[in-house]
N, C-alpha and C. Protein backbone atom coordinates (compact mmCIF):
# COMPACT_ATOMS: atom_id res chain seq x y z
N MET A 1 0.84 -1.17 0.00
CA MET A 1 0.00 0.00 0.00
C MET A 1 0.88 1.23 0.00
N SER A 2 0.56 2.21 -0.82
CA SER A 2 1.29 3.45 -0.89
C SER A 2 0.66 4.47 0.05
N LEU A 3 1.46 5.04 0.92
CA LEU A 3 0.97 6.02 1.87
C LEU A 3 1.03 7.41 1.27
N HIS A 4 0.24 8.30 1.81
CA HIS A 4 0.26 9.71 1.47
C HIS A 4 1.69 10.22 1.68
N PRO A 5 2.20 11.10 0.81
CA PRO A 5 3.59 11.52 0.93
C PRO A 5 3.92 12.20 2.26
N LEU A 6 2.97 12.82 2.89
CA LEU A 6 3.19 13.48 4.17
C LEU A 6 2.54 12.68 5.30
N SER A 7 2.79 11.38 5.32
CA SER A 7 2.18 10.54 6.33
C SER A 7 3.23 9.94 7.24
N GLN A 8 2.79 9.61 8.45
CA GLN A 8 3.66 8.97 9.43
C GLN A 8 3.04 7.63 9.80
N PRO A 9 3.67 6.53 9.40
CA PRO A 9 3.11 5.21 9.73
C PRO A 9 3.14 4.96 11.23
N VAL A 10 2.17 4.20 11.70
CA VAL A 10 2.11 3.79 13.10
C VAL A 10 2.35 2.29 13.12
N LYS A 11 3.35 1.88 13.85
CA LYS A 11 3.76 0.47 13.88
C LYS A 11 3.31 -0.20 15.17
N GLY A 12 3.17 -1.51 15.11
CA GLY A 12 2.95 -2.31 16.30
C GLY A 12 1.53 -2.40 16.81
N ILE A 13 0.58 -1.84 16.08
CA ILE A 13 -0.82 -1.95 16.49
C ILE A 13 -1.45 -3.07 15.67
N THR A 14 -2.00 -4.04 16.34
CA THR A 14 -2.66 -5.14 15.64
C THR A 14 -4.13 -5.18 16.02
N HIS A 15 -4.94 -5.48 15.05
CA HIS A 15 -6.38 -5.62 15.23
C HIS A 15 -6.86 -6.54 14.11
N PRO A 16 -7.77 -7.45 14.40
CA PRO A 16 -8.17 -8.41 13.36
C PRO A 16 -8.84 -7.79 12.13
N TYR A 17 -9.33 -6.56 12.24
CA TYR A 17 -10.04 -5.95 11.11
C TYR A 17 -9.33 -4.71 10.58
N ILE A 18 -8.09 -4.47 11.02
CA ILE A 18 -7.36 -3.29 10.57
C ILE A 18 -6.11 -3.73 9.81
N ASP A 19 -5.94 -3.14 8.62
CA ASP A 19 -4.78 -3.43 7.78
C ASP A 19 -3.62 -2.50 8.10
N ASN A 20 -3.90 -1.21 8.31
CA ASN A 20 -2.86 -0.21 8.41
C ASN A 20 -3.40 1.01 9.14
N ILE A 21 -2.53 1.66 9.92
CA ILE A 21 -2.88 2.94 10.56
C ILE A 21 -1.73 3.90 10.32
N PHE A 22 -2.06 5.14 9.96
CA PHE A 22 -1.04 6.17 9.81
C PHE A 22 -1.67 7.53 10.11
N VAL A 23 -0.81 8.51 10.34
CA VAL A 23 -1.26 9.88 10.55
C VAL A 23 -0.83 10.67 9.33
N LYS A 24 -1.80 11.32 8.71
CA LYS A 24 -1.57 12.06 7.46
C LYS A 24 -1.62 13.56 7.76
N GLN A 25 -0.65 14.28 7.23
CA GLN A 25 -0.63 15.73 7.34
C GLN A 25 -1.62 16.30 6.34
N GLY A 26 -2.28 17.38 6.71
CA GLY A 26 -3.27 18.00 5.84
C GLY A 26 -2.67 18.58 4.58
N ASP A 27 -3.53 19.03 3.69
CA ASP A 27 -3.10 19.61 2.43
C ASP A 27 -2.59 21.04 2.65
N ALA A 28 -2.23 21.71 1.57
CA ALA A 28 -1.66 23.06 1.66
C ALA A 28 -2.63 24.06 2.28
N VAL A 29 -3.92 23.86 2.06
CA VAL A 29 -4.92 24.78 2.61
C VAL A 29 -5.06 24.59 4.12
N ASN A 30 -5.06 23.34 4.57
CA ASN A 30 -5.23 23.02 5.98
C ASN A 30 -3.94 22.42 6.53
N ASN A 31 -2.87 23.15 6.47
CA ASN A 31 -1.55 22.62 6.79
C ASN A 31 -1.46 22.07 8.21
N ALA A 32 -2.22 22.65 9.15
CA ALA A 32 -2.15 22.19 10.54
C ALA A 32 -3.03 20.98 10.79
N ASP A 33 -3.83 20.60 9.81
CA ASP A 33 -4.76 19.48 9.96
C ASP A 33 -4.01 18.16 9.89
N ARG A 34 -4.14 17.35 10.95
CA ARG A 34 -3.54 16.01 10.99
C ARG A 34 -4.66 15.00 11.17
N VAL A 35 -4.62 13.93 10.39
CA VAL A 35 -5.70 12.96 10.35
C VAL A 35 -5.15 11.58 10.69
N MET A 36 -5.78 10.90 11.66
CA MET A 36 -5.49 9.50 11.92
C MET A 36 -6.30 8.69 10.92
N VAL A 37 -5.62 7.92 10.08
CA VAL A 37 -6.28 7.14 9.04
C VAL A 37 -6.20 5.66 9.41
N ILE A 38 -7.36 5.02 9.43
CA ILE A 38 -7.45 3.59 9.69
C ILE A 38 -7.91 2.92 8.40
N ASP A 39 -7.01 2.13 7.80
CA ASP A 39 -7.37 1.33 6.64
C ASP A 39 -7.83 -0.03 7.16
N THR A 40 -9.09 -0.33 6.95
CA THR A 40 -9.63 -1.58 7.46
C THR A 40 -9.49 -2.70 6.42
N LEU A 41 -9.75 -3.89 6.88
CA LEU A 41 -9.81 -5.06 5.99
C LEU A 41 -11.25 -5.32 5.55
N LEU A 42 -12.15 -4.40 5.91
CA LEU A 42 -13.57 -4.58 5.62
C LEU A 42 -13.88 -4.14 4.20
N SER A 43 -14.80 -4.84 3.57
CA SER A 43 -15.25 -4.49 2.24
C SER A 43 -16.64 -3.89 2.33
N ASN A 44 -16.79 -2.68 1.80
CA ASN A 44 -18.11 -2.07 1.80
C ASN A 44 -19.02 -2.67 0.73
N ALA A 45 -18.48 -3.60 -0.05
CA ALA A 45 -19.28 -4.31 -1.05
C ALA A 45 -19.72 -5.68 -0.53
N ALA A 46 -19.49 -5.92 0.75
CA ALA A 46 -19.83 -7.23 1.32
C ALA A 46 -21.32 -7.50 1.24
N ASP A 47 -21.65 -8.74 0.95
CA ASP A 47 -23.05 -9.14 0.88
C ASP A 47 -23.67 -9.24 2.28
N ASP A 48 -22.87 -9.57 3.26
CA ASP A 48 -23.36 -9.77 4.62
C ASP A 48 -23.20 -8.48 5.41
N THR A 49 -24.22 -7.63 5.38
CA THR A 49 -24.14 -6.34 6.04
C THR A 49 -24.10 -6.48 7.56
N GLU A 50 -24.71 -7.53 8.11
CA GLU A 50 -24.65 -7.72 9.56
C GLU A 50 -23.22 -8.03 10.00
N LEU A 51 -22.51 -8.82 9.23
CA LEU A 51 -21.12 -9.12 9.55
C LEU A 51 -20.26 -7.87 9.42
N PHE A 52 -20.46 -7.11 8.36
CA PHE A 52 -19.75 -5.84 8.18
C PHE A 52 -19.99 -4.93 9.39
N ASP A 53 -21.26 -4.76 9.77
CA ASP A 53 -21.61 -3.91 10.90
C ASP A 53 -20.95 -4.40 12.19
N SER A 54 -20.95 -5.70 12.40
CA SER A 54 -20.35 -6.29 13.59
C SER A 54 -18.85 -6.00 13.66
N HIS A 55 -18.17 -6.13 12.53
CA HIS A 55 -16.73 -5.88 12.50
C HIS A 55 -16.44 -4.39 12.68
N LEU A 56 -17.24 -3.54 12.09
CA LEU A 56 -17.06 -2.10 12.26
C LEU A 56 -17.31 -1.69 13.71
N ILE A 57 -18.30 -2.27 14.33
CA ILE A 57 -18.57 -2.00 15.75
C ILE A 57 -17.39 -2.43 16.61
N ASP A 58 -16.76 -3.55 16.27
CA ASP A 58 -15.56 -3.99 17.00
C ASP A 58 -14.46 -2.92 16.92
N ILE A 59 -14.26 -2.37 15.74
CA ILE A 59 -13.26 -1.31 15.58
C ILE A 59 -13.64 -0.09 16.41
N LEU A 60 -14.90 0.32 16.34
CA LEU A 60 -15.34 1.50 17.08
C LEU A 60 -15.23 1.28 18.59
N ASN A 61 -15.49 0.07 19.06
CA ASN A 61 -15.36 -0.24 20.49
C ASN A 61 -13.90 -0.11 20.94
N ASP A 62 -12.97 -0.38 20.06
CA ASP A 62 -11.55 -0.32 20.39
C ASP A 62 -10.92 1.03 20.05
N LEU A 63 -11.73 1.97 19.57
CA LEU A 63 -11.21 3.23 19.06
C LEU A 63 -10.46 4.05 20.10
N ASP A 64 -10.93 4.11 21.34
CA ASP A 64 -10.23 4.88 22.36
C ASP A 64 -8.81 4.36 22.58
N ASP A 65 -8.67 3.04 22.68
CA ASP A 65 -7.34 2.45 22.84
C ASP A 65 -6.46 2.71 21.62
N LEU A 66 -7.04 2.59 20.42
CA LEU A 66 -6.30 2.85 19.20
C LEU A 66 -5.84 4.31 19.15
N LYS A 67 -6.73 5.24 19.48
CA LYS A 67 -6.38 6.66 19.48
C LYS A 67 -5.24 6.95 20.44
N ASN A 68 -5.30 6.38 21.64
CA ASN A 68 -4.24 6.62 22.62
C ASN A 68 -2.90 6.11 22.13
N GLU A 69 -2.89 4.93 21.55
CA GLU A 69 -1.63 4.36 21.05
C GLU A 69 -1.07 5.20 19.90
N VAL A 70 -1.93 5.64 19.00
CA VAL A 70 -1.47 6.47 17.88
C VAL A 70 -0.93 7.80 18.39
N GLN A 71 -1.60 8.42 19.35
CA GLN A 71 -1.12 9.68 19.91
C GLN A 71 0.23 9.49 20.60
N ASN A 72 0.43 8.37 21.27
CA ASN A 72 1.72 8.10 21.91
C ASN A 72 2.84 7.98 20.89
N GLN A 73 2.53 7.40 19.74
CA GLN A 73 3.57 7.19 18.72
C GLN A 73 3.75 8.36 17.77
N ALA A 74 2.64 8.98 17.37
CA ALA A 74 2.70 9.96 16.27
C ALA A 74 2.30 11.37 16.68
N GLY A 75 1.89 11.56 17.91
CA GLY A 75 1.47 12.88 18.34
C GLY A 75 -0.01 13.13 18.08
N ALA A 76 -0.42 14.34 18.38
CA ALA A 76 -1.83 14.71 18.29
C ALA A 76 -2.32 14.75 16.84
N PHE A 77 -3.62 14.54 16.69
CA PHE A 77 -4.28 14.64 15.39
C PHE A 77 -5.64 15.29 15.61
N ASN A 78 -6.23 15.80 14.53
CA ASN A 78 -7.48 16.56 14.61
C ASN A 78 -8.72 15.70 14.46
N HIS A 79 -8.66 14.71 13.60
CA HIS A 79 -9.82 13.84 13.40
C HIS A 79 -9.38 12.48 12.87
N ILE A 80 -10.38 11.60 12.73
CA ILE A 80 -10.11 10.21 12.34
C ILE A 80 -10.88 9.89 11.06
N GLU A 81 -10.22 9.17 10.18
CA GLU A 81 -10.84 8.70 8.94
C GLU A 81 -10.75 7.18 8.94
N ILE A 82 -11.88 6.51 8.78
CA ILE A 82 -11.91 5.05 8.71
C ILE A 82 -12.26 4.68 7.27
N ARG A 83 -11.37 3.93 6.64
CA ARG A 83 -11.56 3.57 5.23
C ARG A 83 -11.91 2.10 5.10
N THR A 84 -12.85 1.83 4.22
CA THR A 84 -13.17 0.46 3.82
C THR A 84 -12.78 0.30 2.36
N HIS A 85 -12.85 -0.92 1.87
CA HIS A 85 -12.44 -1.18 0.49
C HIS A 85 -13.58 -1.77 -0.30
């Protein structure tokens, strides 16, 4: 996976439904904007929406712990983006 050119990868965080986490620096307009990006292993094209919802809820339930770990490694960020495929 190719990361945003102004991104800082976060290492050592494992979760069964997360592929990658990084902190991305904002664009030229919002230079101070930092975004925690969670690339999930979830497919938004999945036929089983209950399973998708269940896995997404698992991620959301763990979000406070994930945020704390990312802040410890990469510093503060302004918001979170959760990506599906």
